[in-house]
Amino acid sequence: MVKILFFGDLVETLGLASEEVALPPDVTDVERLLFVLARRGEKWKKMLLGNPALKVTINKQFAEKSSPVADGDEIALVGFAMA
């Protein structure tokens, strides 16, 4: 399980501030996690994949999309709606 925290416009747009998610076996990095979350619907896709200003931290350290994720990680997603 990973804990995902949502900040900025993500909270209002996606309707939650945090959740715990079991990592599917094929999710090994941030990019793949975002892709899996984006399958939840159009709002998720727009805010997570179509948002060049999205910032990600893993265990309170800024991360790149290629950064690995693992069980027990705390992942924060910070995003704002694009005008």
N, C-alpha and C. Protein backbone atom coordinates (compact mmCIF):
# COMPACT_ATOMS: atom_id res chain seq x y z
N MET A 1 0.84 -1.18 0.00
CA MET A 1 0.00 0.00 0.00
C MET A 1 0.89 1.25 0.00
N VAL A 2 0.41 2.26 -0.72
CA VAL A 2 1.03 3.58 -0.65
C VAL A 2 -0.04 4.56 -0.20
N LYS A 3 0.40 5.60 0.47
CA LYS A 3 -0.51 6.67 0.86
C LYS A 3 -0.31 7.80 -0.13
N ILE A 4 -1.42 8.25 -0.72
CA ILE A 4 -1.36 9.35 -1.68
C ILE A 4 -2.06 10.55 -1.06
N LEU A 5 -1.35 11.68 -1.03
CA LEU A 5 -1.90 12.93 -0.53
C LEU A 5 -2.12 13.86 -1.72
N PHE A 6 -3.24 14.53 -1.75
CA PHE A 6 -3.58 15.44 -2.84
C PHE A 6 -3.58 16.87 -2.31
N PHE A 7 -2.99 17.79 -3.07
CA PHE A 7 -2.93 19.20 -2.67
C PHE A 7 -3.32 20.09 -3.84
N GLY A 8 -3.57 21.36 -3.54
CA GLY A 8 -3.95 22.32 -4.56
C GLY A 8 -5.35 22.03 -5.09
N ASP A 9 -5.56 22.29 -6.36
CA ASP A 9 -6.87 22.08 -7.00
C ASP A 9 -7.24 20.61 -7.09
N LEU A 10 -6.28 19.72 -6.89
CA LEU A 10 -6.58 18.28 -6.95
C LEU A 10 -7.63 17.90 -5.91
N VAL A 11 -7.57 18.51 -4.74
CA VAL A 11 -8.49 18.16 -3.66
C VAL A 11 -9.93 18.40 -4.09
N GLU A 12 -10.21 19.59 -4.58
CA GLU A 12 -11.58 19.93 -4.99
C GLU A 12 -11.99 19.19 -6.27
N THR A 13 -11.11 19.15 -7.24
CA THR A 13 -11.45 18.54 -8.53
C THR A 13 -11.66 17.04 -8.42
N LEU A 14 -10.82 16.35 -7.66
CA LEU A 14 -10.90 14.90 -7.56
C LEU A 14 -11.75 14.44 -6.38
N GLY A 15 -12.04 15.36 -5.47
CA GLY A 15 -12.96 15.05 -4.38
C GLY A 15 -12.36 14.31 -3.20
N LEU A 16 -11.04 14.34 -3.05
CA LEU A 16 -10.44 13.72 -1.88
C LEU A 16 -9.09 14.34 -1.58
N ALA A 17 -8.70 14.25 -0.30
CA ALA A 17 -7.43 14.83 0.14
C ALA A 17 -6.34 13.77 0.30
N SER A 18 -6.77 12.52 0.54
CA SER A 18 -5.79 11.45 0.66
C SER A 18 -6.48 10.11 0.48
N GLU A 19 -5.70 9.11 0.18
CA GLU A 19 -6.21 7.74 0.09
C GLU A 19 -5.03 6.78 0.16
N GLU A 20 -5.35 5.54 0.51
CA GLU A 20 -4.36 4.48 0.48
C GLU A 20 -4.70 3.55 -0.67
N VAL A 21 -3.68 3.20 -1.43
CA VAL A 21 -3.88 2.42 -2.65
C VAL A 21 -2.91 1.24 -2.64
N ALA A 22 -3.42 0.08 -2.97
CA ALA A 22 -2.56 -1.09 -3.17
C ALA A 22 -1.91 -0.94 -4.54
N LEU A 23 -0.60 -1.03 -4.57
CA LEU A 23 0.11 -0.88 -5.84
C LEU A 23 -0.06 -2.14 -6.69
N PRO A 24 -0.58 -1.99 -7.92
CA PRO A 24 -0.58 -3.13 -8.83
C PRO A 24 0.86 -3.55 -9.12
N PRO A 25 1.09 -4.81 -9.44
CA PRO A 25 2.46 -5.29 -9.67
C PRO A 25 3.21 -4.54 -10.77
N ASP A 26 2.48 -4.01 -11.76
CA ASP A 26 3.15 -3.33 -12.88
C ASP A 26 3.45 -1.87 -12.59
N VAL A 27 3.10 -1.36 -11.41
CA VAL A 27 3.40 0.03 -11.07
C VAL A 27 4.71 0.07 -10.28
N THR A 28 5.74 0.56 -10.96
CA THR A 28 7.07 0.62 -10.34
C THR A 28 7.63 2.03 -10.29
N ASP A 29 6.95 2.99 -10.95
CA ASP A 29 7.44 4.37 -10.92
C ASP A 29 6.26 5.34 -10.92
N VAL A 30 6.58 6.61 -10.72
CA VAL A 30 5.55 7.65 -10.63
C VAL A 30 4.72 7.72 -11.90
N GLU A 31 5.36 7.67 -13.05
CA GLU A 31 4.64 7.78 -14.31
C GLU A 31 3.56 6.70 -14.45
N ARG A 32 3.91 5.49 -14.12
CA ARG A 32 2.94 4.38 -14.22
C ARG A 32 1.81 4.55 -13.20
N LEU A 33 2.14 5.02 -12.00
CA LEU A 33 1.11 5.27 -11.00
C LEU A 33 0.12 6.32 -11.48
N LEU A 34 0.63 7.41 -12.06
CA LEU A 34 -0.26 8.45 -12.58
C LEU A 34 -1.15 7.91 -13.69
N PHE A 35 -0.58 7.06 -14.54
CA PHE A 35 -1.36 6.47 -15.62
C PHE A 35 -2.50 5.62 -15.06
N VAL A 36 -2.21 4.81 -14.06
CA VAL A 36 -3.24 3.95 -13.45
C VAL A 36 -4.32 4.80 -12.80
N LEU A 37 -3.93 5.85 -12.07
CA LEU A 37 -4.91 6.72 -11.44
C LEU A 37 -5.75 7.46 -12.49
N ALA A 38 -5.15 7.82 -13.60
CA ALA A 38 -5.84 8.57 -14.65
C ALA A 38 -6.96 7.75 -15.30
N ARG A 39 -6.91 6.43 -15.17
CA ARG A 39 -7.96 5.58 -15.74
C ARG A 39 -9.27 5.72 -14.97
N ARG A 40 -9.27 6.44 -13.87
CA ARG A 40 -10.48 6.63 -13.07
C ARG A 40 -11.50 7.55 -13.74
N GLY A 41 -11.07 8.33 -14.71
CA GLY A 41 -12.01 9.20 -15.40
C GLY A 41 -11.34 10.41 -16.02
N GLU A 42 -12.12 11.17 -16.74
CA GLU A 42 -11.61 12.31 -17.50
C GLU A 42 -10.97 13.37 -16.59
N LYS A 43 -11.59 13.67 -15.44
CA LYS A 43 -11.01 14.67 -14.53
C LYS A 43 -9.63 14.22 -14.04
N TRP A 44 -9.52 12.94 -13.71
CA TRP A 44 -8.25 12.40 -13.24
C TRP A 44 -7.20 12.50 -14.34
N LYS A 45 -7.59 12.14 -15.55
CA LYS A 45 -6.66 12.18 -16.68
C LYS A 45 -6.16 13.60 -16.92
N LYS A 46 -7.08 14.55 -16.91
CA LYS A 46 -6.71 15.94 -17.16
C LYS A 46 -5.78 16.48 -16.07
N MET A 47 -6.10 16.20 -14.82
CA MET A 47 -5.33 16.76 -13.71
C MET A 47 -3.97 16.06 -13.52
N LEU A 48 -3.89 14.77 -13.85
CA LEU A 48 -2.65 14.03 -13.59
C LEU A 48 -1.76 13.85 -14.82
N LEU A 49 -2.35 13.67 -15.99
CA LEU A 49 -1.53 13.44 -17.19
C LEU A 49 -1.41 14.69 -18.05
N GLY A 50 -2.47 15.49 -18.09
CA GLY A 50 -2.46 16.66 -18.96
C GLY A 50 -2.06 17.92 -18.24
N ASN A 51 -1.30 17.80 -17.18
CA ASN A 51 -0.97 18.94 -16.34
C ASN A 51 0.55 19.07 -16.20
N PRO A 52 1.18 19.93 -17.02
CA PRO A 52 2.63 20.06 -16.98
C PRO A 52 3.15 20.65 -15.66
N ALA A 53 2.27 21.29 -14.88
CA ALA A 53 2.69 21.91 -13.62
C ALA A 53 2.55 20.95 -12.43
N LEU A 54 2.12 19.71 -12.64
CA LEU A 54 1.96 18.76 -11.55
C LEU A 54 3.31 18.48 -10.89
N LYS A 55 3.33 18.58 -9.56
CA LYS A 55 4.54 18.28 -8.78
C LYS A 55 4.29 17.03 -7.96
N VAL A 56 5.32 16.24 -7.79
CA VAL A 56 5.21 14.97 -7.06
C VAL A 56 6.33 14.89 -6.03
N THR A 57 5.97 14.43 -4.83
CA THR A 57 7.00 14.09 -3.85
C THR A 57 6.79 12.65 -3.42
N ILE A 58 7.89 12.00 -3.08
CA ILE A 58 7.86 10.66 -2.50
C ILE A 58 8.60 10.75 -1.17
N ASN A 59 7.89 10.42 -0.11
CA ASN A 59 8.48 10.50 1.23
C ASN A 59 9.11 11.87 1.49
N LYS A 60 8.35 12.91 1.09
CA LYS A 60 8.69 14.32 1.33
C LYS A 60 9.90 14.82 0.53
N GLN A 61 10.28 14.10 -0.52
CA GLN A 61 11.37 14.52 -1.42
C GLN A 61 10.80 14.68 -2.83
N PHE A 62 11.11 15.80 -3.47
CA PHE A 62 10.62 15.98 -4.84
C PHE A 62 11.07 14.83 -5.72
N ALA A 63 10.20 14.41 -6.62
CA ALA A 63 10.46 13.24 -7.45
C ALA A 63 10.17 13.54 -8.91
N GLU A 64 10.82 12.79 -9.77
CA GLU A 64 10.57 12.86 -11.22
C GLU A 64 9.59 11.76 -11.59
N LYS A 65 9.06 11.82 -12.80
CA LYS A 65 8.12 10.79 -13.23
C LYS A 65 8.79 9.41 -13.32
N SER A 66 10.09 9.39 -13.48
CA SER A 66 10.81 8.12 -13.56
C SER A 66 11.21 7.58 -12.19
N SER A 67 10.92 8.33 -11.13
CA SER A 67 11.30 7.90 -9.78
C SER A 67 10.54 6.65 -9.37
N PRO A 68 11.22 5.70 -8.72
CA PRO A 68 10.55 4.47 -8.30
C PRO A 68 9.58 4.70 -7.15
N VAL A 69 8.51 3.91 -7.13
CA VAL A 69 7.57 3.89 -6.00
C VAL A 69 7.52 2.47 -5.47
N ALA A 70 7.30 2.37 -4.15
CA ALA A 70 7.27 1.05 -3.52
C ALA A 70 6.27 1.06 -2.37
N ASP A 71 5.86 -0.13 -1.97
CA ASP A 71 4.96 -0.25 -0.83
C ASP A 71 5.51 0.52 0.35
N GLY A 72 4.61 1.22 1.05
CA GLY A 72 5.00 1.98 2.22
C GLY A 72 5.33 3.43 1.94
N ASP A 73 5.46 3.80 0.66
CA ASP A 73 5.78 5.19 0.32
C ASP A 73 4.59 6.11 0.58
N GLU A 74 4.92 7.37 0.88
CA GLU A 74 3.92 8.43 0.94
C GLU A 74 4.16 9.32 -0.27
N ILE A 75 3.16 9.41 -1.12
CA ILE A 75 3.29 10.15 -2.37
C ILE A 75 2.35 11.35 -2.32
N ALA A 76 2.91 12.53 -2.51
CA ALA A 76 2.09 13.74 -2.53
C ALA A 76 2.02 14.26 -3.95
N LEU A 77 0.82 14.60 -4.38
CA LEU A 77 0.59 15.17 -5.70
C LEU A 77 0.06 16.58 -5.52
N VAL A 78 0.73 17.55 -6.12
CA VAL A 78 0.35 18.95 -6.01
C VAL A 78 0.04 19.45 -7.41
N GLY A 79 -1.20 19.86 -7.63
CA GLY A 79 -1.56 20.32 -8.96
C GLY A 79 -2.63 21.38 -8.92
N PHE A 80 -2.59 22.21 -9.94
CA PHE A 80 -3.56 23.27 -10.08
C PHE A 80 -4.18 23.18 -11.47
N ALA A 81 -5.47 23.51 -11.56
CA ALA A 81 -6.16 23.44 -12.85
C ALA A 81 -5.51 24.42 -13.82
N MET A 82 -5.38 23.96 -15.04
CA MET A 82 -4.78 24.82 -16.07
C MET A 82 -5.88 25.70 -16.66
N ALA A 83 -5.56 26.96 -16.85
CA ALA A 83 -6.55 27.91 -17.39
C ALA A 83 -6.82 27.67 -18.85
